[in-house]
Amino acid sequence: MKSLIQAVVVAAVLAAPVAVFAQTNSPVTRAQVRAELIELEQAGYNPGRGEDPNYPADIQAAEARVAARHAATGFGGSASGSSEAGRAPVSNSD
């Protein structure tokens, strides 16, 4: 019985950090909505067009441009490129 309690305590201790990094479902503030709308407008989306026949496509394109901009300026993202180590080969042409 004692080992079962220890196992439960160890599992709880190991699972606690996972719960800390979970997303919160807090409501979005007005300032956050306005900032997102400004970003979308800067990416080319115009919400004041009224009946827009291209509605889903144009906002999705603007969101993709905003996401690309955030990915380009983000920290810790994946970087593409290559790296080489060592020194250049020496030719022995005597």
PDB file of N, CA and C in Angstrom:
ATOM      1  N   MET A   1       0.818  -1.184   0.000  1.00  0.00           N
ATOM      2  CA  MET A   1       0.000   0.000   0.000  1.00  0.00           C
ATOM      3  C   MET A   1       0.867   1.255   0.000  1.00  0.00           C
ATOM      4  N   LYS A   2       1.974   1.191   0.734  1.00  0.00           N
ATOM      5  CA  LYS A   2       2.869   2.335   0.810  1.00  0.00           C
ATOM      6  C   LYS A   2       3.482   2.633  -0.558  1.00  0.00           C
ATOM      7  N   SER A   3       3.834   1.598  -1.315  1.00  0.00           N
ATOM      8  CA  SER A   3       4.425   1.816  -2.634  1.00  0.00           C
ATOM      9  C   SER A   3       3.404   2.398  -3.608  1.00  0.00           C
ATOM     10  N   LEU A   4       2.136   2.054  -3.453  1.00  0.00           N
ATOM     11  CA  LEU A   4       1.084   2.629  -4.295  1.00  0.00           C
ATOM     12  C   LEU A   4       0.956   4.127  -4.039  1.00  0.00           C
ATOM     13  N   ILE A   5       0.999   4.522  -2.784  1.00  0.00           N
ATOM     14  CA  ILE A   5       0.924   5.944  -2.433  1.00  0.00           C
ATOM     15  C   ILE A   5       2.136   6.684  -2.983  1.00  0.00           C
ATOM     16  N   GLN A   6       3.302   6.088  -2.875  1.00  0.00           N
ATOM     17  CA  GLN A   6       4.508   6.714  -3.409  1.00  0.00           C
ATOM     18  C   GLN A   6       4.410   6.860  -4.925  1.00  0.00           C
ATOM     19  N   ALA A   7       3.885   5.855  -5.600  1.00  0.00           N
ATOM     20  CA  ALA A   7       3.743   5.922  -7.053  1.00  0.00           C
ATOM     21  C   ALA A   7       2.776   7.027  -7.463  1.00  0.00           C
ATOM     22  N   VAL A   8       1.693   7.181  -6.734  1.00  0.00           N
ATOM     23  CA  VAL A   8       0.723   8.235  -7.025  1.00  0.00           C
ATOM     24  C   VAL A   8       1.341   9.608  -6.789  1.00  0.00           C
ATOM     25  N   VAL A   9       2.088   9.753  -5.713  1.00  0.00           N
ATOM     26  CA  VAL A   9       2.738  11.033  -5.418  1.00  0.00           C
ATOM     27  C   VAL A   9       3.765  11.372  -6.495  1.00  0.00           C
ATOM     28  N   VAL A  10       4.558  10.402  -6.911  1.00  0.00           N
ATOM     29  CA  VAL A  10       5.559  10.635  -7.959  1.00  0.00           C
ATOM     30  C   VAL A  10       4.872  11.011  -9.267  1.00  0.00           C
ATOM     31  N   ALA A  11       3.799  10.326  -9.619  1.00  0.00           N
ATOM     32  CA  ALA A  11       3.067  10.645 -10.847  1.00  0.00           C
ATOM     33  C   ALA A  11       2.482  12.051 -10.791  1.00  0.00           C
ATOM     34  N   ALA A  12       1.966  12.449  -9.633  1.00  0.00           N
ATOM     35  CA  ALA A  12       1.406  13.790  -9.485  1.00  0.00           C
ATOM     36  C   ALA A  12       2.485  14.856  -9.599  1.00  0.00           C
ATOM     37  N   VAL A  13       3.641  14.591  -9.019  1.00  0.00           N
ATOM     38  CA  VAL A  13       4.748  15.549  -9.092  1.00  0.00           C
ATOM     39  C   VAL A  13       5.242  15.689 -10.527  1.00  0.00           C
ATOM     40  N   LEU A  14       5.302  14.590 -11.256  1.00  0.00           N
ATOM     41  CA  LEU A  14       5.758  14.649 -12.643  1.00  0.00           C
ATOM     42  C   LEU A  14       4.714  15.264 -13.567  1.00  0.00           C
ATOM     43  N   ALA A  15       3.449  15.157 -13.246  1.00  0.00           N
ATOM     44  CA  ALA A  15       2.385  15.702 -14.086  1.00  0.00           C
ATOM     45  C   ALA A  15       2.117  17.176 -13.804  1.00  0.00           C
ATOM     46  N   ALA A  16       2.542  17.696 -12.693  1.00  0.00           N
ATOM     47  CA  ALA A  16       2.273  19.088 -12.327  1.00  0.00           C
ATOM     48  C   ALA A  16       2.853  20.088 -13.320  1.00  0.00           C
ATOM     49  N   PRO A  17       4.093  19.941 -13.790  1.00  0.00           N
ATOM     50  CA  PRO A  17       4.603  20.922 -14.750  1.00  0.00           C
ATOM     51  C   PRO A  17       3.825  20.950 -16.060  1.00  0.00           C
ATOM     52  N   VAL A  18       3.244  19.841 -16.458  1.00  0.00           N
ATOM     53  CA  VAL A  18       2.451  19.816 -17.684  1.00  0.00           C
ATOM     54  C   VAL A  18       1.232  20.706 -17.531  1.00  0.00           C
ATOM     55  N   ALA A  19       0.605  20.696 -16.388  1.00  0.00           N
ATOM     56  CA  ALA A  19      -0.575  21.518 -16.147  1.00  0.00           C
ATOM     57  C   ALA A  19      -0.222  22.997 -16.111  1.00  0.00           C
ATOM     58  N   VAL A  20       0.977  23.330 -15.728  1.00  0.00           N
ATOM     59  CA  VAL A  20       1.396  24.725 -15.660  1.00  0.00           C
ATOM     60  C   VAL A  20       1.473  25.339 -17.051  1.00  0.00           C
ATOM     61  N   PHE A  21       1.914  24.566 -18.036  1.00  0.00           N
ATOM     62  CA  PHE A  21       2.086  25.086 -19.382  1.00  0.00           C
ATOM     63  C   PHE A  21       0.845  24.946 -20.251  1.00  0.00           C
ATOM     64  N   ALA A  22      -0.270  24.510 -19.703  1.00  0.00           N
ATOM     65  CA  ALA A  22      -1.500  24.373 -20.473  1.00  0.00           C
ATOM     66  C   ALA A  22      -2.031  25.753 -20.848  1.00  0.00           C
ATOM     67  N   GLN A  23      -2.732  25.816 -21.972  1.00  0.00           N
ATOM     68  CA  GLN A  23      -3.298  27.081 -22.405  1.00  0.00           C
ATOM     69  C   GLN A  23      -4.448  27.473 -21.497  1.00  0.00           C
ATOM     70  N   THR A  24      -4.578  28.770 -21.308  1.00  0.00           N
ATOM     71  CA  THR A  24      -5.700  29.255 -20.524  1.00  0.00           C
ATOM     72  C   THR A  24      -6.850  29.579 -21.467  1.00  0.00           C
ATOM     73  N   ASN A  25      -8.042  29.427 -20.996  1.00  0.00           N
ATOM     74  CA  ASN A  25      -9.224  29.754 -21.782  1.00  0.00           C
ATOM     75  C   ASN A  25      -9.810  31.074 -21.328  1.00  0.00           C
ATOM     76  N   SER A  26      -8.948  32.005 -20.979  1.00  0.00           N
ATOM     77  CA  SER A  26      -9.424  33.298 -20.515  1.00  0.00           C
ATOM     78  C   SER A  26      -9.986  34.078 -21.699  1.00  0.00           C
ATOM     79  N   PRO A  27     -10.959  34.939 -21.449  1.00  0.00           N
ATOM     80  CA  PRO A  27     -11.547  35.710 -22.543  1.00  0.00           C
ATOM     81  C   PRO A  27     -10.543  36.705 -23.118  1.00  0.00           C
ATOM     82  N   VAL A  28     -10.731  37.001 -24.385  1.00  0.00           N
ATOM     83  CA  VAL A  28      -9.860  37.944 -25.081  1.00  0.00           C
ATOM     84  C   VAL A  28     -10.313  39.358 -24.723  1.00  0.00           C
ATOM     85  N   THR A  29      -9.361  40.240 -24.466  1.00  0.00           N
ATOM     86  CA  THR A  29      -9.701  41.614 -24.104  1.00  0.00           C
ATOM     87  C   THR A  29      -9.965  42.445 -25.357  1.00  0.00           C
ATOM     88  N   ARG A  30     -10.586  43.586 -25.170  1.00  0.00           N
ATOM     89  CA  ARG A  30     -10.839  44.495 -26.296  1.00  0.00           C
ATOM     90  C   ARG A  30      -9.535  44.955 -26.927  1.00  0.00           C
ATOM     91  N   ALA A  31      -8.549  45.202 -26.101  1.00  0.00           N
ATOM     92  CA  ALA A  31      -7.257  45.657 -26.623  1.00  0.00           C
ATOM     93  C   ALA A  31      -6.626  44.589 -27.510  1.00  0.00           C
ATOM     94  N   GLN A  32      -6.760  43.321 -27.122  1.00  0.00           N
ATOM     95  CA  GLN A  32      -6.210  42.245 -27.941  1.00  0.00           C
ATOM     96  C   GLN A  32      -6.952  42.135 -29.269  1.00  0.00           C
ATOM     97  N   VAL A  33      -8.277  42.288 -29.241  1.00  0.00           N
ATOM     98  CA  VAL A  33      -9.064  42.216 -30.473  1.00  0.00           C
ATOM     99  C   VAL A  33      -8.705  43.369 -31.394  1.00  0.00           C
ATOM    100  N   ARG A  34      -8.583  44.559 -30.841  1.00  0.00           N
ATOM    101  CA  ARG A  34      -8.223  45.725 -31.663  1.00  0.00           C
ATOM    102  C   ARG A  34      -6.824  45.582 -32.252  1.00  0.00           C
ATOM    103  N   ALA A  35      -5.892  45.073 -31.471  1.00  0.00           N
ATOM    104  CA  ALA A  35      -4.530  44.881 -31.980  1.00  0.00           C
ATOM    105  C   ALA A  35      -4.522  43.859 -33.116  1.00  0.00           C
ATOM    106  N   GLU A  36      -5.307  42.795 -32.967  1.00  0.00           N
ATOM    107  CA  GLU A  36      -5.378  41.788 -34.027  1.00  0.00           C
ATOM    108  C   GLU A  36      -6.025  42.366 -35.283  1.00  0.00           C
ATOM    109  N   LEU A  37      -7.069  43.178 -35.116  1.00  0.00           N
ATOM    110  CA  LEU A  37      -7.730  43.803 -36.255  1.00  0.00           C
ATOM    111  C   LEU A  37      -6.788  44.760 -36.974  1.00  0.00           C
ATOM    112  N   ILE A  38      -6.001  45.505 -36.228  1.00  0.00           N
ATOM    113  CA  ILE A  38      -5.027  46.418 -36.839  1.00  0.00           C
ATOM    114  C   ILE A  38      -3.992  45.631 -37.631  1.00  0.00           C
ATOM    115  N   GLU A  39      -3.534  44.512 -37.076  1.00  0.00           N
ATOM    116  CA  GLU A  39      -2.571  43.675 -37.802  1.00  0.00           C
ATOM    117  C   GLU A  39      -3.173  43.135 -39.093  1.00  0.00           C
ATOM    118  N   LEU A  40      -4.436  42.713 -39.038  1.00  0.00           N
ATOM    119  CA  LEU A  40      -5.093  42.200 -40.241  1.00  0.00           C
ATOM    120  C   LEU A  40      -5.267  43.295 -41.285  1.00  0.00           C
ATOM    121  N   GLU A  41      -5.614  44.502 -40.842  1.00  0.00           N
ATOM    122  CA  GLU A  41      -5.755  45.613 -41.780  1.00  0.00           C
ATOM    123  C   GLU A  41      -4.417  45.962 -42.417  1.00  0.00           C
ATOM    124  N   GLN A  42      -3.338  45.907 -41.642  1.00  0.00           N
ATOM    125  CA  GLN A  42      -2.011  46.181 -42.192  1.00  0.00           C
ATOM    126  C   GLN A  42      -1.584  45.096 -43.175  1.00  0.00           C
ATOM    127  N   ALA A  43      -2.151  43.897 -43.026  1.00  0.00           N
ATOM    128  CA  ALA A  43      -1.834  42.794 -43.932  1.00  0.00           C
ATOM    129  C   ALA A  43      -2.725  42.809 -45.173  1.00  0.00           C
ATOM    130  N   GLY A  44      -3.623  43.795 -45.279  1.00  0.00           N
ATOM    131  CA  GLY A  44      -4.423  43.935 -46.488  1.00  0.00           C
ATOM    132  C   GLY A  44      -5.893  43.613 -46.344  1.00  0.00           C
ATOM    133  N   TYR A  45      -6.367  43.263 -45.173  1.00  0.00           N
ATOM    134  CA  TYR A  45      -7.785  42.943 -44.995  1.00  0.00           C
ATOM    135  C   TYR A  45      -8.561  44.213 -44.701  1.00  0.00           C
ATOM    136  N   ASN A  46      -9.715  44.378 -45.359  1.00  0.00           N
ATOM    137  CA  ASN A  46     -10.555  45.546 -45.143  1.00  0.00           C
ATOM    138  C   ASN A  46     -11.922  45.076 -44.655  1.00  0.00           C
ATOM    139  N   PRO A  47     -12.199  45.187 -43.347  1.00  0.00           N
ATOM    140  CA  PRO A  47     -13.473  44.695 -42.824  1.00  0.00           C
ATOM    141  C   PRO A  47     -14.660  45.594 -43.161  1.00  0.00           C
ATOM    142  N   GLY A  48     -14.434  46.787 -43.670  1.00  0.00           N
ATOM    143  CA  GLY A  48     -15.511  47.725 -43.941  1.00  0.00           C
ATOM    144  C   GLY A  48     -16.085  47.633 -45.339  1.00  0.00           C
ATOM    145  N   ARG A  49     -15.816  46.575 -46.069  1.00  0.00           N
ATOM    146  CA  ARG A  49     -16.312  46.460 -47.438  1.00  0.00           C
ATOM    147  C   ARG A  49     -17.768  46.025 -47.515  1.00  0.00           C
ATOM    148  N   GLY A  50     -18.371  45.658 -46.439  1.00  0.00           N
ATOM    149  CA  GLY A  50     -19.765  45.220 -46.469  1.00  0.00           C
ATOM    150  C   GLY A  50     -19.883  43.807 -47.005  1.00  0.00           C
ATOM    151  N   GLU A  51     -20.761  43.606 -47.973  1.00  0.00           N
ATOM    152  CA  GLU A  51     -20.951  42.286 -48.583  1.00  0.00           C
ATOM    153  C   GLU A  51     -19.749  41.968 -49.457  1.00  0.00           C
ATOM    154  N   ASP A  52     -18.859  41.163 -48.950  1.00  0.00           N
ATOM    155  CA  ASP A  52     -17.630  40.824 -49.659  1.00  0.00           C
ATOM    156  C   ASP A  52     -17.745  39.413 -50.221  1.00  0.00           C
ATOM    157  N   PRO A  53     -17.736  39.267 -51.545  1.00  0.00           N
ATOM    158  CA  PRO A  53     -17.839  37.917 -52.117  1.00  0.00           C
ATOM    159  C   PRO A  53     -16.604  37.060 -51.853  1.00  0.00           C
ATOM    160  N   ASN A  54     -15.497  37.683 -51.497  1.00  0.00           N
ATOM    161  CA  ASN A  54     -14.252  36.952 -51.231  1.00  0.00           C
ATOM    162  C   ASN A  54     -13.986  36.818 -49.738  1.00  0.00           C
ATOM    163  N   TYR A  55     -15.056  36.878 -48.918  1.00  0.00           N
ATOM    164  CA  TYR A  55     -14.869  36.958 -47.466  1.00  0.00           C
ATOM    165  C   TYR A  55     -13.940  35.901 -46.885  1.00  0.00           C
ATOM    166  N   PRO A  56     -14.175  34.645 -47.041  1.00  0.00           N
ATOM    167  CA  PRO A  56     -13.270  33.722 -46.340  1.00  0.00           C
ATOM    168  C   PRO A  56     -11.856  33.769 -46.893  1.00  0.00           C
ATOM    169  N   ALA A  57     -11.727  33.935 -48.191  1.00  0.00           N
ATOM    170  CA  ALA A  57     -10.392  33.880 -48.803  1.00  0.00           C
ATOM    171  C   ALA A  57      -9.536  35.073 -48.401  1.00  0.00           C
ATOM    172  N   ASP A  58     -10.122  36.278 -48.383  1.00  0.00           N
ATOM    173  CA  ASP A  58      -9.296  37.454 -48.104  1.00  0.00           C
ATOM    174  C   ASP A  58      -8.855  37.534 -46.650  1.00  0.00           C
ATOM    175  N   ILE A  59      -9.713  37.151 -45.716  1.00  0.00           N
ATOM    176  CA  ILE A  59      -9.280  37.189 -44.310  1.00  0.00           C
ATOM    177  C   ILE A  59      -8.292  36.061 -44.022  1.00  0.00           C
ATOM    178  N   GLN A  60      -8.474  34.916 -44.671  1.00  0.00           N
ATOM    179  CA  GLN A  60      -7.520  33.820 -44.480  1.00  0.00           C
ATOM    180  C   GLN A  60      -6.154  34.188 -45.041  1.00  0.00           C
ATOM    181  N   ALA A  61      -6.137  34.892 -46.170  1.00  0.00           N
ATOM    182  CA  ALA A  61      -4.862  35.331 -46.740  1.00  0.00           C
ATOM    183  C   ALA A  61      -4.183  36.341 -45.817  1.00  0.00           C
ATOM    184  N   ALA A  62      -4.973  37.259 -45.255  1.00  0.00           N
ATOM    185  CA  ALA A  62      -4.403  38.245 -44.332  1.00  0.00           C
ATOM    186  C   ALA A  62      -3.887  37.568 -43.071  1.00  0.00           C
ATOM    187  N   GLU A  63      -4.631  36.584 -42.557  1.00  0.00           N
ATOM    188  CA  GLU A  63      -4.167  35.855 -41.372  1.00  0.00           C
ATOM    189  C   GLU A  63      -2.888  35.084 -41.670  1.00  0.00           C
ATOM    190  N   ALA A  64      -2.771  34.542 -42.877  1.00  0.00           N
ATOM    191  CA  ALA A  64      -1.546  33.831 -43.254  1.00  0.00           C
ATOM    192  C   ALA A  64      -0.365  34.790 -43.316  1.00  0.00           C
ATOM    193  N   ARG A  65      -0.601  36.011 -43.847  1.00  0.00           N
ATOM    194  CA  ARG A  65       0.492  36.993 -43.897  1.00  0.00           C
ATOM    195  C   ARG A  65       0.907  37.421 -42.491  1.00  0.00           C
ATOM    196  N   VAL A  66      -0.070  37.604 -41.599  1.00  0.00           N
ATOM    197  CA  VAL A  66       0.241  37.968 -40.212  1.00  0.00           C
ATOM    198  C   VAL A  66       1.008  36.837 -39.539  1.00  0.00           C
ATOM    199  N   ALA A  67       0.578  35.596 -39.753  1.00  0.00           N
ATOM    200  CA  ALA A  67       1.269  34.450 -39.153  1.00  0.00           C
ATOM    201  C   ALA A  67       2.690  34.333 -39.684  1.00  0.00           C
ATOM    202  N   ALA A  68       2.880  34.598 -40.978  1.00  0.00           N
ATOM    203  CA  ALA A  68       4.230  34.547 -41.546  1.00  0.00           C
ATOM    204  C   ALA A  68       5.104  35.643 -40.953  1.00  0.00           C
ATOM    205  N   ARG A  69       4.515  36.813 -40.746  1.00  0.00           N
ATOM    206  CA  ARG A  69       5.268  37.915 -40.144  1.00  0.00           C
ATOM    207  C   ARG A  69       5.661  37.578 -38.712  1.00  0.00           C
ATOM    208  N   HIS A  70       4.746  36.959 -37.967  1.00  0.00           N
ATOM    209  CA  HIS A  70       5.051  36.567 -36.586  1.00  0.00           C
ATOM    210  C   HIS A  70       6.107  35.465 -36.554  1.00  0.00           C
ATOM    211  N   ALA A  71       6.056  34.550 -37.507  1.00  0.00           N
ATOM    212  CA  ALA A  71       7.042  33.469 -37.549  1.00  0.00           C
ATOM    213  C   ALA A  71       8.423  34.012 -37.889  1.00  0.00           C
ATOM    214  N   ALA A  72       8.467  35.051 -38.721  1.00  0.00           N
ATOM    215  CA  ALA A  72       9.753  35.625 -39.108  1.00  0.00           C
ATOM    216  C   ALA A  72      10.381  36.417 -37.974  1.00  0.00           C
ATOM    217  N   THR A  73       9.559  36.965 -37.084  1.00  0.00           N
ATOM    218  CA  THR A  73      10.096  37.784 -36.002  1.00  0.00           C
ATOM    219  C   THR A  73      10.057  37.085 -34.659  1.00  0.00           C
ATOM    220  N   GLY A  74       9.630  35.835 -34.628  1.00  0.00           N
ATOM    221  CA  GLY A  74       9.505  35.114 -33.368  1.00  0.00           C
ATOM    222  C   GLY A  74      10.845  34.672 -32.821  1.00  0.00           C
ATOM    223  N   PHE A  75      10.831  34.282 -31.575  1.00  0.00           N
ATOM    224  CA  PHE A  75      12.028  33.789 -30.921  1.00  0.00           C
ATOM    225  C   PHE A  75      11.941  32.282 -30.800  1.00  0.00           C
ATOM    226  N   GLY A  76      13.048  31.619 -31.020  1.00  0.00           N
ATOM    227  CA  GLY A  76      13.109  30.189 -30.788  1.00  0.00           C
ATOM    228  C   GLY A  76      12.475  29.342 -31.857  1.00  0.00           C
ATOM    229  N   GLY A  77      12.158  29.907 -32.989  1.00  0.00           N
ATOM    230  CA  GLY A  77      11.575  29.127 -34.065  1.00  0.00           C
ATOM    231  C   GLY A  77      12.619  28.287 -34.769  1.00  0.00           C
ATOM    232  N   SER A  78      12.147  27.512 -35.706  1.00  0.00           N
ATOM    233  CA  SER A  78      13.085  26.683 -36.451  1.00  0.00           C
ATOM    234  C   SER A  78      13.770  27.530 -37.512  1.00  0.00           C
ATOM    235  N   ALA A  79      15.033  27.326 -37.657  1.00  0.00           N
ATOM    236  CA  ALA A  79      15.805  28.072 -38.636  1.00  0.00           C
ATOM    237  C   ALA A  79      16.249  27.135 -39.741  1.00  0.00           C
ATOM    238  N   SER A  80      16.199  27.634 -40.959  1.00  0.00           N
ATOM    239  CA  SER A  80      16.669  26.814 -42.061  1.00  0.00           C
ATOM    240  C   SER A  80      18.072  27.267 -42.430  1.00  0.00           C
ATOM    241  N   GLY A  81      18.853  26.369 -42.950  1.00  0.00           N
ATOM    242  CA  GLY A  81      20.218  26.687 -43.325  1.00  0.00           C
ATOM    243  C   GLY A  81      21.090  25.470 -43.168  1.00  0.00           C
ATOM    244  N   SER A  82      22.358  25.687 -43.298  1.00  0.00           N
ATOM    245  CA  SER A  82      23.277  24.565 -43.145  1.00  0.00           C
ATOM    246  C   SER A  82      24.506  25.029 -42.386  1.00  0.00           C
ATOM    247  N   SER A  83      25.237  24.060 -41.909  1.00  0.00           N
ATOM    248  CA  SER A  83      26.437  24.346 -41.152  1.00  0.00           C
ATOM    249  C   SER A  83      27.466  23.275 -41.463  1.00  0.00           C
ATOM    250  N   GLU A  84      28.689  23.680 -41.554  1.00  0.00           N
ATOM    251  CA  GLU A  84      29.762  22.726 -41.794  1.00  0.00           C
ATOM    252  C   GLU A  84      30.864  22.960 -40.779  1.00  0.00           C
ATOM    253  N   ALA A  85      31.516  21.890 -40.400  1.00  0.00           N
ATOM    254  CA  ALA A  85      32.608  21.987 -39.447  1.00  0.00           C
ATOM    255  C   ALA A  85      33.845  21.347 -40.050  1.00  0.00           C
ATOM    256  N   GLY A  86      34.964  21.709 -39.523  1.00  0.00           N
ATOM    257  CA  GLY A  86      36.216  21.143 -40.020  1.00  0.00           C
ATOM    258  C   GLY A  86      37.006  22.177 -40.793  1.00  0.00           C
ATOM    259  N   ARG A  87      37.955  21.689 -41.568  1.00  0.00           N
ATOM    260  CA  ARG A  87      38.753  22.617 -42.360  1.00  0.00           C
ATOM    261  C   ARG A  87      38.748  22.178 -43.816  1.00  0.00           C
ATOM    262  N   ALA A  88      39.139  23.073 -44.656  1.00  0.00           N
ATOM    263  CA  ALA A  88      39.131  22.800 -46.093  1.00  0.00           C
ATOM    264  C   ALA A  88      40.159  21.721 -46.420  1.00  0.00           C
ATOM    265  N   PRO A  89      39.854  20.864 -47.398  1.00  0.00           N
ATOM    266  CA  PRO A  89      40.812  19.819 -47.770  1.00  0.00           C
ATOM    267  C   PRO A  89      42.072  20.424 -48.405  1.00  0.00           C
ATOM    268  N   VAL A  90      43.186  19.799 -48.143  1.00  0.00           N
ATOM    269  CA  VAL A  90      44.467  20.253 -48.687  1.00  0.00           C
ATOM    270  C   VAL A  90      44.856  19.319 -49.821  1.00  0.00           C
ATOM    271  N   SER A  91      45.173  19.903 -50.969  1.00  0.00           N
ATOM    272  CA  SER A  91      45.572  19.050 -52.093  1.00  0.00           C
ATOM    273  C   SER A  91      47.091  18.886 -52.079  1.00  0.00           C
ATOM    274  N   ASN A  92      47.555  17.682 -52.274  1.00  0.00           N
ATOM    275  CA  ASN A  92      48.982  17.371 -52.297  1.00  0.00           C
ATOM    276  C   ASN A  92      49.425  17.096 -53.730  1.00  0.00           C
ATOM    277  N   SER A  93      49.420  18.096 -54.538  1.00  0.00           N
ATOM    278  CA  SER A  93      49.850  17.905 -55.930  1.00  0.00           C
ATOM    279  C   SER A  93      51.313  18.323 -56.052  1.00  0.00           C
ATOM    280  N   ASP A  94      52.191  17.350 -55.954  1.00  0.00           N
ATOM    281  CA  ASP A  94      53.630  17.610 -56.058  1.00  0.00           C
ATOM    282  C   ASP A  94      54.152  17.237 -57.402  1.00  0.00           C
TER     283      ASP A  94
END
